[in-house]
Amino acid sequence: KVIGADISPGLLACARDRQLGDDALFFLFDG
């Protein structure tokens, strides 16, 4: 299970497009 953090909404949208299901949670953070 993975938690992904990034400062870019655009890159995070690409990560979510991978549709990794409940095993991956992605969130935007302030750096």
PDB file of all heavy atoms in Angstrom:
ATOM      1  N   LYS A   1       0.853  -1.179   0.000  1.00  0.00           N
ATOM      2  CA  LYS A   1       0.000   0.000   0.000  1.00  0.00           C
ATOM      3  C   LYS A   1       0.893   1.234   0.000  1.00  0.00           C
ATOM      4  O   LYS A   1       1.937   1.251   0.663  1.00  0.00           O
ATOM      5  CB  LYS A   1      -0.934   0.005   1.206  1.00  0.00           C
ATOM      6  CG  LYS A   1      -1.949  -1.129   1.191  1.00  0.00           C
ATOM      7  CD  LYS A   1      -2.962  -0.988   2.304  1.00  0.00           C
ATOM      8  CE  LYS A   1      -3.962  -2.157   2.291  1.00  0.00           C
ATOM      9  NZ  LYS A   1      -4.754  -2.160   1.027  1.00  0.00           N
ATOM     10  N   VAL A   2       0.482   2.245  -0.746  1.00  0.00           N
ATOM     11  CA  VAL A   2       1.348   3.401  -0.947  1.00  0.00           C
ATOM     12  C   VAL A   2       0.573   4.692  -0.741  1.00  0.00           C
ATOM     13  O   VAL A   2      -0.620   4.787  -1.057  1.00  0.00           O
ATOM     14  CB  VAL A   2       1.985   3.361  -2.361  1.00  0.00           C
ATOM     15  CG1 VAL A   2       0.930   3.366  -3.441  1.00  0.00           C
ATOM     16  CG2 VAL A   2       2.961   4.501  -2.559  1.00  0.00           C
ATOM     17  N   ILE A   3       1.280   5.667  -0.174  1.00  0.00           N
ATOM     18  CA  ILE A   3       0.773   7.035  -0.054  1.00  0.00           C
ATOM     19  C   ILE A   3       1.675   7.912  -0.908  1.00  0.00           C
ATOM     20  O   ILE A   3       2.887   7.938  -0.700  1.00  0.00           O
ATOM     21  CB  ILE A   3       0.798   7.516   1.405  1.00  0.00           C
ATOM     22  CG1 ILE A   3      -0.032   6.598   2.297  1.00  0.00           C
ATOM     23  CG2 ILE A   3       0.291   8.948   1.506  1.00  0.00           C
ATOM     24  CD1 ILE A   3       0.166   6.860   3.783  1.00  0.00           C
ATOM     25  N   GLY A   4       1.090   8.602  -1.884  1.00  0.00           N
ATOM     26  CA  GLY A   4       1.871   9.442  -2.779  1.00  0.00           C
ATOM     27  C   GLY A   4       1.637  10.910  -2.495  1.00  0.00           C
ATOM     28  O   GLY A   4       0.480  11.347  -2.408  1.00  0.00           O
ATOM     29  N   ALA A   5       2.700  11.669  -2.346  1.00  0.00           N
ATOM     30  CA  ALA A   5       2.602  13.101  -2.059  1.00  0.00           C
ATOM     31  C   ALA A   5       3.320  13.885  -3.136  1.00  0.00           C
ATOM     32  O   ALA A   5       4.426  13.524  -3.549  1.00  0.00           O
ATOM     33  CB  ALA A   5       3.217  13.415  -0.693  1.00  0.00           C
ATOM     34  N   ASP A   6       2.686  14.980  -3.593  1.00  0.00           N
ATOM     35  CA  ASP A   6       3.336  15.832  -4.576  1.00  0.00           C
ATOM     36  C   ASP A   6       2.791  17.250  -4.460  1.00  0.00           C
ATOM     37  O   ASP A   6       1.695  17.458  -3.917  1.00  0.00           O
ATOM     38  CB  ASP A   6       3.115  15.309  -6.000  1.00  0.00           C
ATOM     39  CG  ASP A   6       4.239  15.731  -6.949  1.00  0.00           C
ATOM     40  OD1 ASP A   6       4.207  16.873  -7.436  1.00  0.00           O
ATOM     41  OD2 ASP A   6       5.152  14.926  -7.181  1.00  0.00           O
ATOM     42  N   ILE A   7       3.550  18.221  -4.997  1.00  0.00           N
ATOM     43  CA  ILE A   7       3.119  19.616  -4.958  1.00  0.00           C
ATOM     44  C   ILE A   7       2.312  20.002  -6.195  1.00  0.00           C
ATOM     45  O   ILE A   7       1.731  21.083  -6.239  1.00  0.00           O
ATOM     46  CB  ILE A   7       4.316  20.579  -4.829  1.00  0.00           C
ATOM     47  CG1 ILE A   7       5.212  20.510  -6.077  1.00  0.00           C
ATOM     48  CG2 ILE A   7       5.117  20.292  -3.561  1.00  0.00           C
ATOM     49  CD1 ILE A   7       6.227  21.629  -6.169  1.00  0.00           C
ATOM     50  N   SER A   8       2.259  19.126  -7.210  1.00  0.00           N
ATOM     51  CA  SER A   8       1.656  19.471  -8.490  1.00  0.00           C
ATOM     52  C   SER A   8       0.302  18.797  -8.692  1.00  0.00           C
ATOM     53  O   SER A   8       0.231  17.570  -8.806  1.00  0.00           O
ATOM     54  CB  SER A   8       2.597  19.062  -9.639  1.00  0.00           C
ATOM     55  OG  SER A   8       1.918  19.071 -10.883  1.00  0.00           O
ATOM     56  N   PRO A   9      -0.783  19.564  -8.793  1.00  0.00           N
ATOM     57  CA  PRO A   9      -2.083  18.962  -9.097  1.00  0.00           C
ATOM     58  C   PRO A   9      -2.091  18.243 -10.449  1.00  0.00           C
ATOM     59  O   PRO A   9      -2.749  17.198 -10.595  1.00  0.00           O
ATOM     60  CB  PRO A   9      -3.040  20.164  -9.109  1.00  0.00           C
ATOM     61  CG  PRO A   9      -2.361  21.214  -8.287  1.00  0.00           C
ATOM     62  CD  PRO A   9      -0.894  21.015  -8.529  1.00  0.00           C
ATOM     63  N   GLY A  10      -1.369  18.783 -11.421  1.00  0.00           N
ATOM     64  CA  GLY A  10      -1.337  18.156 -12.732  1.00  0.00           C
ATOM     65  C   GLY A  10      -0.691  16.780 -12.707  1.00  0.00           C
ATOM     66  O   GLY A  10      -1.211  15.821 -13.294  1.00  0.00           O
ATOM     67  N   LEU A  11       0.457  16.664 -12.033  1.00  0.00           N
ATOM     68  CA  LEU A  11       1.116  15.361 -11.926  1.00  0.00           C
ATOM     69  C   LEU A  11       0.267  14.381 -11.118  1.00  0.00           C
ATOM     70  O   LEU A  11       0.182  13.190 -11.456  1.00  0.00           O
ATOM     71  CB  LEU A  11       2.496  15.517 -11.290  1.00  0.00           C
ATOM     72  CG  LEU A  11       3.532  16.303 -12.095  1.00  0.00           C
ATOM     73  CD1 LEU A  11       4.855  16.357 -11.346  1.00  0.00           C
ATOM     74  CD2 LEU A  11       3.740  15.711 -13.489  1.00  0.00           C
ATOM     75  N   LEU A  12      -0.372  14.863 -10.063  1.00  0.00           N
ATOM     76  CA  LEU A  12      -1.220  13.984  -9.256  1.00  0.00           C
ATOM     77  C   LEU A  12      -2.405  13.470 -10.060  1.00  0.00           C
ATOM     78  O   LEU A  12      -2.835  12.320  -9.876  1.00  0.00           O
ATOM     79  CB  LEU A  12      -1.712  14.723  -8.007  1.00  0.00           C
ATOM     80  CG  LEU A  12      -0.679  14.907  -6.901  1.00  0.00           C
ATOM     81  CD1 LEU A  12      -1.229  15.839  -5.828  1.00  0.00           C
ATOM     82  CD2 LEU A  12      -0.268  13.577  -6.289  1.00  0.00           C
ATOM     83  N   ALA A  13      -2.944  14.289 -10.953  1.00  0.00           N
ATOM     84  CA  ALA A  13      -4.040  13.822 -11.806  1.00  0.00           C
ATOM     85  C   ALA A  13      -3.581  12.652 -12.675  1.00  0.00           C
ATOM     86  O   ALA A  13      -4.318  11.673 -12.871  1.00  0.00           O
ATOM     87  CB  ALA A  13      -4.554  14.967 -12.676  1.00  0.00           C
ATOM     88  N   CYS A  14      -2.339  12.731 -13.179  1.00  0.00           N
ATOM     89  CA  CYS A  14      -1.779  11.622 -13.960  1.00  0.00           C
ATOM     90  C   CYS A  14      -1.622  10.372 -13.098  1.00  0.00           C
ATOM     91  O   CYS A  14      -1.884   9.251 -13.553  1.00  0.00           O
ATOM     92  CB  CYS A  14      -0.439  12.019 -14.556  1.00  0.00           C
ATOM     93  SG  CYS A  14      -0.504  13.376 -15.749  1.00  0.00           S
ATOM     94  N   ALA A  15      -1.182  10.559 -11.846  1.00  0.00           N
ATOM     95  CA  ALA A  15      -1.027   9.418 -10.941  1.00  0.00           C
ATOM     96  C   ALA A  15      -2.377   8.754 -10.681  1.00  0.00           C
ATOM     97  O   ALA A  15      -2.496   7.517 -10.695  1.00  0.00           O
ATOM     98  CB  ALA A  15      -0.391   9.870  -9.634  1.00  0.00           C
ATOM     99  N   ARG A  16      -3.399   9.556 -10.455  1.00  0.00           N
ATOM    100  CA  ARG A  16      -4.729   8.992 -10.189  1.00  0.00           C
ATOM    101  C   ARG A  16      -5.296   8.292 -11.420  1.00  0.00           C
ATOM    102  O   ARG A  16      -6.070   7.341 -11.298  1.00  0.00           O
ATOM    103  CB  ARG A  16      -5.666  10.094  -9.708  1.00  0.00           C
ATOM    104  CG  ARG A  16      -5.275  10.665  -8.334  1.00  0.00           C
ATOM    105  CD  ARG A  16      -6.307  11.634  -7.804  1.00  0.00           C
ATOM    106  NE  ARG A  16      -5.912  12.157  -6.493  1.00  0.00           N
ATOM    107  CZ  ARG A  16      -5.462  13.400  -6.283  1.00  0.00           C
ATOM    108  NH1 ARG A  16      -5.363  14.252  -7.306  1.00  0.00           N
ATOM    109  NH2 ARG A  16      -5.109  13.778  -5.068  1.00  0.00           N
ATOM    110  N   ASP A  17      -4.893   8.759 -12.609  1.00  0.00           N
ATOM    111  CA  ASP A  17      -5.351   8.119 -13.843  1.00  0.00           C
ATOM    112  C   ASP A  17      -4.853   6.682 -13.972  1.00  0.00           C
ATOM    113  O   ASP A  17      -5.385   5.909 -14.782  1.00  0.00           O
ATOM    114  CB  ASP A  17      -4.888   8.926 -15.065  1.00  0.00           C
ATOM    115  CG  ASP A  17      -5.714  10.185 -15.281  1.00  0.00           C
ATOM    116  OD1 ASP A  17      -6.809  10.298 -14.673  1.00  0.00           O
ATOM    117  OD2 ASP A  17      -5.270  11.070 -16.045  1.00  0.00           O
ATOM    118  N   ARG A  18      -3.847   6.315 -13.200  1.00  0.00           N
ATOM    119  CA  ARG A  18      -3.364   4.933 -13.234  1.00  0.00           C
ATOM    120  C   ARG A  18      -4.367   3.956 -12.603  1.00  0.00           C
ATOM    121  O   ARG A  18      -4.246   2.745 -12.778  1.00  0.00           O
ATOM    122  CB  ARG A  18      -2.015   4.816 -12.515  1.00  0.00           C
ATOM    123  CG  ARG A  18      -0.876   5.518 -13.239  1.00  0.00           C
ATOM    124  CD  ARG A  18       0.426   5.357 -12.486  1.00  0.00           C
ATOM    125  NE  ARG A  18       1.524   6.074 -13.093  1.00  0.00           N
ATOM    126  CZ  ARG A  18       2.349   5.570 -14.012  1.00  0.00           C
ATOM    127  NH1 ARG A  18       2.201   4.308 -14.405  1.00  0.00           N
ATOM    128  NH2 ARG A  18       3.336   6.304 -14.517  1.00  0.00           N
ATOM    129  N   GLN A  19      -5.313   4.510 -11.833  1.00  0.00           N
ATOM    130  CA  GLN A  19      -6.387   3.706 -11.232  1.00  0.00           C
ATOM    131  C   GLN A  19      -5.815   2.515 -10.449  1.00  0.00           C
ATOM    132  O   GLN A  19      -6.102   1.357 -10.749  1.00  0.00           O
ATOM    133  CB  GLN A  19      -7.372   3.243 -12.317  1.00  0.00           C
ATOM    134  CG  GLN A  19      -8.058   4.413 -13.021  1.00  0.00           C
ATOM    135  CD  GLN A  19      -9.081   3.984 -14.046  1.00  0.00           C
ATOM    136  OE1 GLN A  19      -9.129   2.827 -14.463  1.00  0.00           O
ATOM    137  NE2 GLN A  19      -9.907   4.911 -14.477  1.00  0.00           N
ATOM    138  N   LEU A  20      -5.027   2.845  -9.447  1.00  0.00           N
ATOM    139  CA  LEU A  20      -4.395   1.816  -8.623  1.00  0.00           C
ATOM    140  C   LEU A  20      -5.297   1.313  -7.505  1.00  0.00           C
ATOM    141  O   LEU A  20      -4.886   0.478  -6.700  1.00  0.00           O
ATOM    142  CB  LEU A  20      -3.089   2.368  -8.044  1.00  0.00           C
ATOM    143  CG  LEU A  20      -2.036   2.784  -9.085  1.00  0.00           C
ATOM    144  CD1 LEU A  20      -0.814   3.374  -8.405  1.00  0.00           C
ATOM    145  CD2 LEU A  20      -1.655   1.607  -9.974  1.00  0.00           C
ATOM    146  N   GLY A  21      -6.509   1.835  -7.421  1.00  0.00           N
ATOM    147  CA  GLY A  21      -7.491   1.327  -6.474  1.00  0.00           C
ATOM    148  C   GLY A  21      -7.220   1.757  -5.048  1.00  0.00           C
ATOM    149  O   GLY A  21      -6.553   2.766  -4.777  1.00  0.00           O
ATOM    150  N   ASP A  22      -7.713   0.948  -4.120  1.00  0.00           N
ATOM    151  CA  ASP A  22      -7.619   1.286  -2.701  1.00  0.00           C
ATOM    152  C   ASP A  22      -6.213   1.129  -2.142  1.00  0.00           C
ATOM    153  O   ASP A  22      -5.958   1.519  -1.001  1.00  0.00           O
ATOM    154  CB  ASP A  22      -8.574   0.402  -1.893  1.00  0.00           C
ATOM    155  CG  ASP A  22     -10.042   0.677  -2.219  1.00  0.00           C
ATOM    156  OD1 ASP A  22     -10.324   1.793  -2.702  1.00  0.00           O
ATOM    157  OD2 ASP A  22     -10.875  -0.218  -1.996  1.00  0.00           O
ATOM    158  N   ASP A  23      -5.301   0.569  -2.928  1.00  0.00           N
ATOM    159  CA  ASP A  23      -3.929   0.373  -2.445  1.00  0.00           C
ATOM    160  C   ASP A  23      -3.077   1.627  -2.572  1.00  0.00           C
ATOM    161  O   ASP A  23      -1.929   1.634  -2.115  1.00  0.00           O
ATOM    162  CB  ASP A  23      -3.259  -0.768  -3.216  1.00  0.00           C
ATOM    163  CG  ASP A  23      -3.857  -2.120  -2.869  1.00  0.00           C
ATOM    164  OD1 ASP A  23      -4.313  -2.280  -1.727  1.00  0.00           O
ATOM    165  OD2 ASP A  23      -3.872  -2.998  -3.751  1.00  0.00           O
ATOM    166  N   ALA A  24      -3.603   2.679  -3.204  1.00  0.00           N
ATOM    167  CA  ALA A  24      -2.828   3.907  -3.389  1.00  0.00           C
ATOM    168  C   ALA A  24      -3.680   5.123  -3.040  1.00  0.00           C
ATOM    169  O   ALA A  24      -4.821   5.242  -3.486  1.00  0.00           O
ATOM    170  CB  ALA A  24      -2.336   4.015  -4.822  1.00  0.00           C
ATOM    171  N   LEU A  25      -3.128   5.983  -2.221  1.00  0.00           N
ATOM    172  CA  LEU A  25      -3.763   7.243  -1.856  1.00  0.00           C
ATOM    173  C   LEU A  25      -2.813   8.374  -2.237  1.00  0.00           C
ATOM    174  O   LEU A  25      -1.660   8.376  -1.824  1.00  0.00           O
ATOM    175  CB  LEU A  25      -4.055   7.289  -0.352  1.00  0.00           C
ATOM    176  CG  LEU A  25      -4.519   8.635   0.217  1.00  0.00           C
ATOM    177  CD1 LEU A  25      -5.906   8.979  -0.320  1.00  0.00           C
ATOM    178  CD2 LEU A  25      -4.530   8.608   1.738  1.00  0.00           C
ATOM    179  N   PHE A  26      -3.291   9.332  -3.041  1.00  0.00           N
ATOM    180  CA  PHE A  26      -2.461  10.447  -3.482  1.00  0.00           C
ATOM    181  C   PHE A  26      -2.999  11.743  -2.894  1.00  0.00           C
ATOM    182  O   PHE A  26      -4.207  11.965  -2.852  1.00  0.00           O
ATOM    183  CB  PHE A  26      -2.464  10.542  -5.010  1.00  0.00           C
ATOM    184  CG  PHE A  26      -1.873   9.343  -5.685  1.00  0.00           C
ATOM    185  CD1 PHE A  26      -2.686   8.410  -6.319  1.00  0.00           C
ATOM    186  CD2 PHE A  26      -0.505   9.133  -5.680  1.00  0.00           C
ATOM    187  CE1 PHE A  26      -2.146   7.292  -6.943  1.00  0.00           C
ATOM    188  CE2 PHE A  26       0.049   8.022  -6.302  1.00  0.00           C
ATOM    189  CZ  PHE A  26      -0.781   7.100  -6.935  1.00  0.00           C
ATOM    190  N   PHE A  27      -2.082  12.608  -2.436  1.00  0.00           N
ATOM    191  CA  PHE A  27      -2.527  13.884  -1.885  1.00  0.00           C
ATOM    192  C   PHE A  27      -1.565  15.006  -2.251  1.00  0.00           C
ATOM    193  O   PHE A  27      -0.371  14.798  -2.449  1.00  0.00           O
ATOM    194  CB  PHE A  27      -2.705  13.804  -0.363  1.00  0.00           C
ATOM    195  CG  PHE A  27      -1.447  13.627   0.434  1.00  0.00           C
ATOM    196  CD1 PHE A  27      -0.698  14.721   0.848  1.00  0.00           C
ATOM    197  CD2 PHE A  27      -1.001  12.357   0.782  1.00  0.00           C
ATOM    198  CE1 PHE A  27       0.458  14.561   1.592  1.00  0.00           C
ATOM    199  CE2 PHE A  27       0.156  12.187   1.526  1.00  0.00           C
ATOM    200  CZ  PHE A  27       0.890  13.300   1.937  1.00  0.00           C
ATOM    201  N   LEU A  28      -2.142  16.197  -2.358  1.00  0.00           N
ATOM    202  CA  LEU A  28      -1.397  17.415  -2.626  1.00  0.00           C
ATOM    203  C   LEU A  28      -0.880  17.978  -1.312  1.00  0.00           C
ATOM    204  O   LEU A  28      -1.612  18.026  -0.324  1.00  0.00           O
ATOM    205  CB  LEU A  28      -2.322  18.426  -3.305  1.00  0.00           C
ATOM    206  CG  LEU A  28      -1.706  19.746  -3.769  1.00  0.00           C
ATOM    207  CD1 LEU A  28      -0.803  19.526  -4.979  1.00  0.00           C
ATOM    208  CD2 LEU A  28      -2.823  20.744  -4.124  1.00  0.00           C
ATOM    209  N   PHE A  29       0.392  18.400  -1.286  1.00  0.00           N
ATOM    210  CA  PHE A  29       0.898  19.027  -0.071  1.00  0.00           C
ATOM    211  C   PHE A  29       1.676  20.279  -0.438  1.00  0.00           C
ATOM    212  O   PHE A  29       1.957  20.544  -1.616  1.00  0.00           O
ATOM    213  CB  PHE A  29       1.706  18.035   0.770  1.00  0.00           C
ATOM    214  CG  PHE A  29       3.155  17.895   0.416  1.00  0.00           C
ATOM    215  CD1 PHE A  29       4.144  18.231   1.319  1.00  0.00           C
ATOM    216  CD2 PHE A  29       3.533  17.390  -0.823  1.00  0.00           C
ATOM    217  CE1 PHE A  29       5.482  18.086   1.012  1.00  0.00           C
ATOM    218  CE2 PHE A  29       4.871  17.237  -1.145  1.00  0.00           C
ATOM    219  CZ  PHE A  29       5.849  17.593  -0.219  1.00  0.00           C
ATOM    220  N   ASP A  30       1.986  21.063   0.568  1.00  0.00           N
ATOM    221  CA  ASP A  30       2.529  22.403   0.337  1.00  0.00           C
ATOM    222  C   ASP A  30       4.048  22.434   0.176  1.00  0.00           C
ATOM    223  O   ASP A  30       4.641  23.509   0.043  1.00  0.00           O
ATOM    224  CB  ASP A  30       2.112  23.353   1.461  1.00  0.00           C
ATOM    225  CG  ASP A  30       2.646  22.919   2.838  1.00  0.00           C
ATOM    226  OD1 ASP A  30       3.430  21.945   2.909  1.00  0.00           O
ATOM    227  OD2 ASP A  30       2.257  23.558   3.836  1.00  0.00           O
ATOM    228  N   GLY A  31       4.691  21.270   0.182  1.00  0.00           N
ATOM    229  CA  GLY A  31       6.140  21.228   0.042  1.00  0.00           C
ATOM    230  C   GLY A  31       6.886  21.484   1.333  1.00  0.00           C
ATOM    231  O   GLY A  31       8.114  21.558   1.336  1.00  0.00           O
TER     232      GLY A  31
END
